[in-house]
Amino acid sequence: MGGIGIWVRGLAAAFISGGASGVTGGITASVIDPNAFNLSTQLSHTLTLIGVTFLVSGILGVCAYLARSPLDGQHRNTLSAAA
């Protein structure tokens, strides 16, 4: 796998890693406030919290990855040619 493939895999890993904290946040919320966030009667609230937090944390993880590993000019040209 070339440099671009490694970069894309790193980008995906950063999103998943950041999003994992969203799952942790949802579980933690159910411990802190079990009346509002639980896995039985208020499941939709808990899943909404987990989903939104997963998305936001994943985006922040991607931004941090891009700050550390921006796509250089050579690979940027490869993506433009493939499109």
PDB file of N, CA and C in Angstrom:
ATOM      1  N   MET A   1       0.853  -1.165   0.000  1.00  0.00           N
ATOM      2  CA  MET A   1       0.000   0.000   0.000  1.00  0.00           C
ATOM      3  C   MET A   1       0.900   1.229   0.000  1.00  0.00           C
ATOM      4  N   GLY A   2       0.596   2.156  -0.866  1.00  0.00           N
ATOM      5  CA  GLY A   2       1.402   3.356  -0.993  1.00  0.00           C
ATOM      6  C   GLY A   2       1.142   4.360   0.114  1.00  0.00           C
ATOM      7  N   GLY A   3       1.804   5.500  -0.018  1.00  0.00           N
ATOM      8  CA  GLY A   3       1.692   6.552   0.978  1.00  0.00           C
ATOM      9  C   GLY A   3       0.278   7.059   1.147  1.00  0.00           C
ATOM     10  N   ILE A   4      -0.468   7.140   0.040  1.00  0.00           N
ATOM     11  CA  ILE A   4      -1.832   7.660   0.123  1.00  0.00           C
ATOM     12  C   ILE A   4      -2.741   6.692   0.879  1.00  0.00           C
ATOM     13  N   GLY A   5      -2.528   5.397   0.691  1.00  0.00           N
ATOM     14  CA  GLY A   5      -3.324   4.398   1.395  1.00  0.00           C
ATOM     15  C   GLY A   5      -3.075   4.432   2.894  1.00  0.00           C
ATOM     16  N   ILE A   6      -1.824   4.596   3.269  1.00  0.00           N
ATOM     17  CA  ILE A   6      -1.478   4.700   4.688  1.00  0.00           C
ATOM     18  C   ILE A   6      -2.115   5.947   5.281  1.00  0.00           C
ATOM     19  N   TRP A   7      -2.092   7.041   4.528  1.00  0.00           N
ATOM     20  CA  TRP A   7      -2.664   8.302   4.999  1.00  0.00           C
ATOM     21  C   TRP A   7      -4.176   8.150   5.195  1.00  0.00           C
ATOM     22  N   VAL A   8      -4.861   7.515   4.260  1.00  0.00           N
ATOM     23  CA  VAL A   8      -6.319   7.323   4.364  1.00  0.00           C
ATOM     24  C   VAL A   8      -6.649   6.413   5.546  1.00  0.00           C
ATOM     25  N   ARG A   9      -5.864   5.361   5.734  1.00  0.00           N
ATOM     26  CA  ARG A   9      -6.089   4.478   6.883  1.00  0.00           C
ATOM     27  C   ARG A   9      -5.880   5.226   8.193  1.00  0.00           C
ATOM     28  N   GLY A  10      -4.878   6.083   8.242  1.00  0.00           N
ATOM     29  CA  GLY A  10      -4.651   6.893   9.436  1.00  0.00           C
ATOM     30  C   GLY A  10      -5.804   7.839   9.692  1.00  0.00           C
ATOM     31  N   LEU A  11      -6.354   8.404   8.620  1.00  0.00           N
ATOM     32  CA  LEU A  11      -7.502   9.300   8.734  1.00  0.00           C
ATOM     33  C   LEU A  11      -8.712   8.555   9.295  1.00  0.00           C
ATOM     34  N   ALA A  12      -8.969   7.363   8.792  1.00  0.00           N
ATOM     35  CA  ALA A  12     -10.083   6.551   9.287  1.00  0.00           C
ATOM     36  C   ALA A  12      -9.858   6.140  10.739  1.00  0.00           C
ATOM     37  N   ALA A  13      -8.625   5.768  11.066  1.00  0.00           N
ATOM     38  CA  ALA A  13      -8.310   5.377  12.443  1.00  0.00           C
ATOM     39  C   ALA A  13      -8.496   6.552  13.395  1.00  0.00           C
ATOM     40  N   ALA A  14      -8.143   7.753  12.958  1.00  0.00           N
ATOM     41  CA  ALA A  14      -8.319   8.944  13.797  1.00  0.00           C
ATOM     42  C   ALA A  14      -9.796   9.196  14.053  1.00  0.00           C
ATOM     43  N   PHE A  15     -10.641   8.999  13.047  1.00  0.00           N
ATOM     44  CA  PHE A  15     -12.079   9.191  13.219  1.00  0.00           C
ATOM     45  C   PHE A  15     -12.659   8.175  14.198  1.00  0.00           C
ATOM     46  N   ILE A  16     -12.286   6.919  14.027  1.00  0.00           N
ATOM     47  CA  ILE A  16     -12.810   5.868  14.898  1.00  0.00           C
ATOM     48  C   ILE A  16     -12.299   6.053  16.324  1.00  0.00           C
ATOM     49  N   SER A  17     -11.032   6.391  16.457  1.00  0.00           N
ATOM     50  CA  SER A  17     -10.460   6.609  17.784  1.00  0.00           C
ATOM     51  C   SER A  17     -11.133   7.778  18.490  1.00  0.00           C
ATOM     52  N   GLY A  18     -11.332   8.861  17.775  1.00  0.00           N
ATOM     53  CA  GLY A  18     -12.023   9.995  18.362  1.00  0.00           C
ATOM     54  C   GLY A  18     -13.466   9.663  18.689  1.00  0.00           C
ATOM     55  N   GLY A  19     -14.108   8.920  17.807  1.00  0.00           N
ATOM     56  CA  GLY A  19     -15.502   8.556  18.030  1.00  0.00           C
ATOM     57  C   GLY A  19     -15.708   7.600  19.183  1.00  0.00           C
ATOM     58  N   ALA A  20     -14.687   6.829  19.502  1.00  0.00           N
ATOM     59  CA  ALA A  20     -14.813   5.897  20.622  1.00  0.00           C
ATOM     60  C   ALA A  20     -15.075   6.638  21.924  1.00  0.00           C
ATOM     61  N   SER A  21     -14.578   7.849  22.025  1.00  0.00           N
ATOM     62  CA  SER A  21     -14.856   8.625  23.236  1.00  0.00           C
ATOM     63  C   SER A  21     -16.331   9.013  23.295  1.00  0.00           C
ATOM     64  N   GLY A  22     -17.001   9.053  22.172  1.00  0.00           N
ATOM     65  CA  GLY A  22     -18.439   9.307  22.161  1.00  0.00           C
ATOM     66  C   GLY A  22     -19.205   8.186  22.828  1.00  0.00           C
ATOM     67  N   VAL A  23     -18.791   6.972  22.595  1.00  0.00           N
ATOM     68  CA  VAL A  23     -19.429   5.824  23.241  1.00  0.00           C
ATOM     69  C   VAL A  23     -19.179   5.890  24.744  1.00  0.00           C
ATOM     70  N   THR A  24     -17.953   6.213  25.113  1.00  0.00           N
ATOM     71  CA  THR A  24     -17.624   6.351  26.531  1.00  0.00           C
ATOM     72  C   THR A  24     -18.452   7.453  27.170  1.00  0.00           C
ATOM     73  N   GLY A  25     -18.640   8.564  26.458  1.00  0.00           N
ATOM     74  CA  GLY A  25     -19.444   9.665  26.977  1.00  0.00           C
ATOM     75  C   GLY A  25     -20.890   9.262  27.208  1.00  0.00           C
ATOM     76  N   GLY A  26     -21.443   8.480  26.312  1.00  0.00           N
ATOM     77  CA  GLY A  26     -22.824   8.021  26.479  1.00  0.00           C
ATOM     78  C   GLY A  26     -22.989   7.100  27.665  1.00  0.00           C
ATOM     79  N   ILE A  27     -22.038   6.207  27.848  1.00  0.00           N
ATOM     80  CA  ILE A  27     -22.095   5.307  28.996  1.00  0.00           C
ATOM     81  C   ILE A  27     -21.915   6.092  30.296  1.00  0.00           C
ATOM     82  N   THR A  28     -20.994   7.044  30.274  1.00  0.00           N
ATOM     83  CA  THR A  28     -20.767   7.871  31.462  1.00  0.00           C
ATOM     84  C   THR A  28     -21.998   8.696  31.810  1.00  0.00           C
ATOM     85  N   ALA A  29     -22.674   9.215  30.807  1.00  0.00           N
ATOM     86  CA  ALA A  29     -23.889   9.998  31.060  1.00  0.00           C
ATOM     87  C   ALA A  29     -24.959   9.149  31.739  1.00  0.00           C
ATOM     88  N   SER A  30     -25.047   7.884  31.363  1.00  0.00           N
ATOM     89  CA  SER A  30     -26.050   7.027  31.998  1.00  0.00           C
ATOM     90  C   SER A  30     -25.696   6.718  33.447  1.00  0.00           C
ATOM     91  N   VAL A  31     -24.420   6.801  33.789  1.00  0.00           N
ATOM     92  CA  VAL A  31     -24.008   6.608  35.179  1.00  0.00           C
ATOM     93  C   VAL A  31     -24.297   7.870  35.991  1.00  0.00           C
ATOM     94  N   ILE A  32     -24.027   9.039  35.389  1.00  0.00           N
ATOM     95  CA  ILE A  32     -24.213  10.307  36.096  1.00  0.00           C
ATOM     96  C   ILE A  32     -25.697  10.646  36.266  1.00  0.00           C
ATOM     97  N   ASP A  33     -26.483  10.470  35.211  1.00  0.00           N
ATOM     98  CA  ASP A  33     -27.908  10.799  35.280  1.00  0.00           C
ATOM     99  C   ASP A  33     -28.739   9.646  34.713  1.00  0.00           C
ATOM    100  N   PRO A  34     -28.938   8.608  35.496  1.00  0.00           N
ATOM    101  CA  PRO A  34     -29.650   7.433  34.995  1.00  0.00           C
ATOM    102  C   PRO A  34     -31.125   7.681  34.684  1.00  0.00           C
ATOM    103  N   ASN A  35     -31.701   8.757  35.222  1.00  0.00           N
ATOM    104  CA  ASN A  35     -33.099   9.046  34.913  1.00  0.00           C
ATOM    105  C   ASN A  35     -33.272   9.573  33.497  1.00  0.00           C
ATOM    106  N   ALA A  36     -32.294  10.314  32.992  1.00  0.00           N
ATOM    107  CA  ALA A  36     -32.381  10.896  31.655  1.00  0.00           C
ATOM    108  C   ALA A  36     -31.724  10.022  30.593  1.00  0.00           C
ATOM    109  N   PHE A  37     -30.665   9.323  30.957  1.00  0.00           N
ATOM    110  CA  PHE A  37     -29.917   8.504  29.998  1.00  0.00           C
ATOM    111  C   PHE A  37     -29.766   7.107  30.574  1.00  0.00           C
ATOM    112  N   ASN A  38     -30.520   6.163  30.037  1.00  0.00           N
ATOM    113  CA  ASN A  38     -30.351   4.779  30.459  1.00  0.00           C
ATOM    114  C   ASN A  38     -30.590   3.864  29.269  1.00  0.00           C
ATOM    115  N   LEU A  39     -30.344   2.594  29.484  1.00  0.00           N
ATOM    116  CA  LEU A  39     -30.413   1.647  28.377  1.00  0.00           C
ATOM    117  C   LEU A  39     -31.748   0.919  28.300  1.00  0.00           C
ATOM    118  N   SER A  40     -32.740   1.395  29.039  1.00  0.00           N
ATOM    119  CA  SER A  40     -34.054   0.742  28.954  1.00  0.00           C
ATOM    120  C   SER A  40     -35.128   1.737  28.531  1.00  0.00           C
ATOM    121  N   THR A  41     -35.564   2.607  29.404  1.00  0.00           N
ATOM    122  CA  THR A  41     -36.686   3.484  29.067  1.00  0.00           C
ATOM    123  C   THR A  41     -36.277   4.695  28.244  1.00  0.00           C
ATOM    124  N   GLN A  42     -35.082   5.198  28.424  1.00  0.00           N
ATOM    125  CA  GLN A  42     -34.609   6.384  27.688  1.00  0.00           C
ATOM    126  C   GLN A  42     -33.507   6.016  26.687  1.00  0.00           C
ATOM    127  N   LEU A  43     -33.643   4.889  26.055  1.00  0.00           N
ATOM    128  CA  LEU A  43     -32.610   4.417  25.134  1.00  0.00           C
ATOM    129  C   LEU A  43     -32.377   5.388  23.988  1.00  0.00           C
ATOM    130  N   SER A  44     -33.429   6.026  23.476  1.00  0.00           N
ATOM    131  CA  SER A  44     -33.257   6.950  22.351  1.00  0.00           C
ATOM    132  C   SER A  44     -32.399   8.152  22.748  1.00  0.00           C
ATOM    133  N   HIS A  45     -32.572   8.661  23.979  1.00  0.00           N
ATOM    134  CA  HIS A  45     -31.733   9.773  24.439  1.00  0.00           C
ATOM    135  C   HIS A  45     -30.270   9.355  24.522  1.00  0.00           C
ATOM    136  N   THR A  46     -30.039   8.175  25.047  1.00  0.00           N
ATOM    137  CA  THR A  46     -28.673   7.679  25.201  1.00  0.00           C
ATOM    138  C   THR A  46     -28.024   7.457  23.840  1.00  0.00           C
ATOM    139  N   LEU A  47     -28.750   6.852  22.914  1.00  0.00           N
ATOM    140  CA  LEU A  47     -28.186   6.601  21.583  1.00  0.00           C
ATOM    141  C   LEU A  47     -27.958   7.899  20.811  1.00  0.00           C
ATOM    142  N   THR A  48     -28.829   8.871  20.993  1.00  0.00           N
ATOM    143  CA  THR A  48     -28.621  10.173  20.347  1.00  0.00           C
ATOM    144  C   THR A  48     -27.373  10.837  20.893  1.00  0.00           C
ATOM    145  N   LEU A  49     -27.209  10.807  22.210  1.00  0.00           N
ATOM    146  CA  LEU A  49     -26.005  11.374  22.815  1.00  0.00           C
ATOM    147  C   LEU A  49     -24.751  10.672  22.315  1.00  0.00           C
ATOM    148  N   ILE A  50     -24.783   9.352  22.266  1.00  0.00           N
ATOM    149  CA  ILE A  50     -23.624   8.591  21.785  1.00  0.00           C
ATOM    150  C   ILE A  50     -23.335   8.930  20.329  1.00  0.00           C
ATOM    151  N   GLY A  51     -24.355   8.986  19.486  1.00  0.00           N
ATOM    152  CA  GLY A  51     -24.149   9.275  18.067  1.00  0.00           C
ATOM    153  C   GLY A  51     -23.582  10.661  17.806  1.00  0.00           C
ATOM    154  N   VAL A  52     -24.151  11.657  18.456  1.00  0.00           N
ATOM    155  CA  VAL A  52     -23.680  13.029  18.248  1.00  0.00           C
ATOM    156  C   VAL A  52     -22.264  13.200  18.791  1.00  0.00           C
ATOM    157  N   THR A  53     -22.015  12.647  19.973  1.00  0.00           N
ATOM    158  CA  THR A  53     -20.675  12.755  20.553  1.00  0.00           C
ATOM    159  C   THR A  53     -19.660  11.979  19.725  1.00  0.00           C
ATOM    160  N   PHE A  54     -20.057  10.818  19.186  1.00  0.00           N
ATOM    161  CA  PHE A  54     -19.168  10.049  18.307  1.00  0.00           C
ATOM    162  C   PHE A  54     -18.780  10.887  17.095  1.00  0.00           C
ATOM    163  N   LEU A  55     -19.763  11.517  16.487  1.00  0.00           N
ATOM    164  CA  LEU A  55     -19.507  12.311  15.286  1.00  0.00           C
ATOM    165  C   LEU A  55     -18.591  13.499  15.582  1.00  0.00           C
ATOM    166  N   VAL A  56     -18.904  14.255  16.624  1.00  0.00           N
ATOM    167  CA  VAL A  56     -18.098  15.434  16.951  1.00  0.00           C
ATOM    168  C   VAL A  56     -16.680  15.029  17.359  1.00  0.00           C
ATOM    169  N   SER A  57     -16.558  14.016  18.205  1.00  0.00           N
ATOM    170  CA  SER A  57     -15.230  13.570  18.631  1.00  0.00           C
ATOM    171  C   SER A  57     -14.440  12.987  17.459  1.00  0.00           C
ATOM    172  N   GLY A  58     -15.124  12.302  16.559  1.00  0.00           N
ATOM    173  CA  GLY A  58     -14.461  11.767  15.370  1.00  0.00           C
ATOM    174  C   GLY A  58     -13.940  12.871  14.469  1.00  0.00           C
ATOM    175  N   ILE A  59     -14.726  13.923  14.291  1.00  0.00           N
ATOM    176  CA  ILE A  59     -14.291  15.059  13.473  1.00  0.00           C
ATOM    177  C   ILE A  59     -13.089  15.740  14.117  1.00  0.00           C
ATOM    178  N   LEU A  60     -13.117  15.899  15.433  1.00  0.00           N
ATOM    179  CA  LEU A  60     -11.963  16.492  16.122  1.00  0.00           C
ATOM    180  C   LEU A  60     -10.723  15.610  15.978  1.00  0.00           C
ATOM    181  N   GLY A  61     -10.898  14.297  16.026  1.00  0.00           N
ATOM    182  CA  GLY A  61      -9.778  13.382  15.815  1.00  0.00           C
ATOM    183  C   GLY A  61      -9.202  13.506  14.416  1.00  0.00           C
ATOM    184  N   VAL A  62     -10.068  13.651  13.417  1.00  0.00           N
ATOM    185  CA  VAL A  62      -9.611  13.843  12.035  1.00  0.00           C
ATOM    186  C   VAL A  62      -8.862  15.165  11.899  1.00  0.00           C
ATOM    187  N   CYS A  63      -9.378  16.217  12.519  1.00  0.00           N
ATOM    188  CA  CYS A  63      -8.696  17.519  12.462  1.00  0.00           C
ATOM    189  C   CYS A  63      -7.312  17.438  13.095  1.00  0.00           C
ATOM    190  N   ALA A  64      -7.206  16.761  14.219  1.00  0.00           N
ATOM    191  CA  ALA A  64      -5.906  16.600  14.865  1.00  0.00           C
ATOM    192  C   ALA A  64      -4.956  15.796  13.980  1.00  0.00           C
ATOM    193  N   TYR A  65      -5.476  14.752  13.329  1.00  0.00           N
ATOM    194  CA  TYR A  65      -4.641  13.949  12.426  1.00  0.00           C
ATOM    195  C   TYR A  65      -4.162  14.783  11.245  1.00  0.00           C
ATOM    196  N   LEU A  66      -5.057  15.584  10.681  1.00  0.00           N
ATOM    197  CA  LEU A  66      -4.676  16.419   9.537  1.00  0.00           C
ATOM    198  C   LEU A  66      -3.647  17.473   9.936  1.00  0.00           C
ATOM    199  N   ALA A  67      -3.707  17.955  11.172  1.00  0.00           N
ATOM    200  CA  ALA A  67      -2.708  18.920  11.640  1.00  0.00           C
ATOM    201  C   ALA A  67      -1.337  18.257  11.750  1.00  0.00           C
ATOM    202  N   ARG A  68      -1.315  16.994  12.156  1.00  0.00           N
ATOM    203  CA  ARG A  68      -0.047  16.270  12.291  1.00  0.00           C
ATOM    204  C   ARG A  68       0.453  15.714  10.970  1.00  0.00           C
ATOM    205  N   SER A  69      -0.462  15.286  10.098  1.00  0.00           N
ATOM    206  CA  SER A  69      -0.086  14.594   8.860  1.00  0.00           C
ATOM    207  C   SER A  69      -0.867  15.150   7.674  1.00  0.00           C
ATOM    208  N   PRO A  70      -0.566  16.375   7.253  1.00  0.00           N
ATOM    209  CA  PRO A  70      -1.290  16.916   6.095  1.00  0.00           C
ATOM    210  C   PRO A  70      -0.907  16.157   4.825  1.00  0.00           C
ATOM    211  N   LEU A  71      -1.787  16.193   3.862  1.00  0.00           N
ATOM    212  CA  LEU A  71      -1.526  15.548   2.581  1.00  0.00           C
ATOM    213  C   LEU A  71      -0.558  16.409   1.803  1.00  0.00           C
ATOM    214  N   ASP A  72       0.618  15.856   1.464  1.00  0.00           N
ATOM    215  CA  ASP A  72       1.621  16.659   0.758  1.00  0.00           C
ATOM    216  C   ASP A  72       1.264  16.820  -0.722  1.00  0.00           C
ATOM    217  N   GLY A  73       1.977  17.659  -1.416  1.00  0.00           N
ATOM    218  CA  GLY A  73       1.671  17.994  -2.805  1.00  0.00           C
ATOM    219  C   GLY A  73       1.685  16.808  -3.742  1.00  0.00           C
ATOM    220  N   GLN A  74       2.617  15.878  -3.554  1.00  0.00           N
ATOM    221  CA  GLN A  74       2.719  14.713  -4.431  1.00  0.00           C
ATOM    222  C   GLN A  74       1.454  13.856  -4.344  1.00  0.00           C
ATOM    223  N   HIS A  75       0.982  13.594  -3.160  1.00  0.00           N
ATOM    224  CA  HIS A  75      -0.215  12.769  -2.998  1.00  0.00           C
ATOM    225  C   HIS A  75      -1.469  13.544  -3.383  1.00  0.00           C
ATOM    226  N   ARG A  76      -1.477  14.838  -3.192  1.00  0.00           N
ATOM    227  CA  ARG A  76      -2.618  15.660  -3.579  1.00  0.00           C
ATOM    228  C   ARG A  76      -2.808  15.563  -5.099  1.00  0.00           C
ATOM    229  N   ASN A  77      -1.691  15.601  -5.851  1.00  0.00           N
ATOM    230  CA  ASN A  77      -1.773  15.461  -7.305  1.00  0.00           C
ATOM    231  C   ASN A  77      -2.284  14.086  -7.711  1.00  0.00           C
ATOM    232  N   THR A  78      -1.917  13.056  -6.950  1.00  0.00           N
ATOM    233  CA  THR A  78      -2.376  11.696  -7.240  1.00  0.00           C
ATOM    234  C   THR A  78      -3.893  11.619  -7.076  1.00  0.00           C
ATOM    235  N   LEU A  79      -4.421  12.250  -6.033  1.00  0.00           N
ATOM    236  CA  LEU A  79      -5.871  12.254  -5.836  1.00  0.00           C
ATOM    237  C   LEU A  79      -6.586  13.020  -6.937  1.00  0.00           C
ATOM    238  N   SER A  80      -6.019  14.122  -7.383  1.00  0.00           N
ATOM    239  CA  SER A  80      -6.642  14.928  -8.451  1.00  0.00           C
ATOM    240  C   SER A  80      -6.673  14.153  -9.752  1.00  0.00           C
ATOM    241  N   ALA A  81      -5.610  13.416 -10.056  1.00  0.00           N
ATOM    242  CA  ALA A  81      -5.552  12.645 -11.293  1.00  0.00           C
ATOM    243  C   ALA A  81      -6.546  11.498 -11.267  1.00  0.00           C
ATOM    244  N   ALA A  82      -6.775  10.914 -10.098  1.00  0.00           N
ATOM    245  CA  ALA A  82      -7.691   9.778  -9.993  1.00  0.00           C
ATOM    246  C   ALA A  82      -9.144  10.210 -10.102  1.00  0.00           C
ATOM    247  N   ALA A  83      -9.447  11.444  -9.792  1.00  0.00           N
ATOM    248  CA  ALA A  83     -10.834  11.908  -9.789  1.00  0.00           C
ATOM    249  C   ALA A  83     -11.356  12.219 -11.151  1.00  0.00           C
TER     250      ALA A  83
END
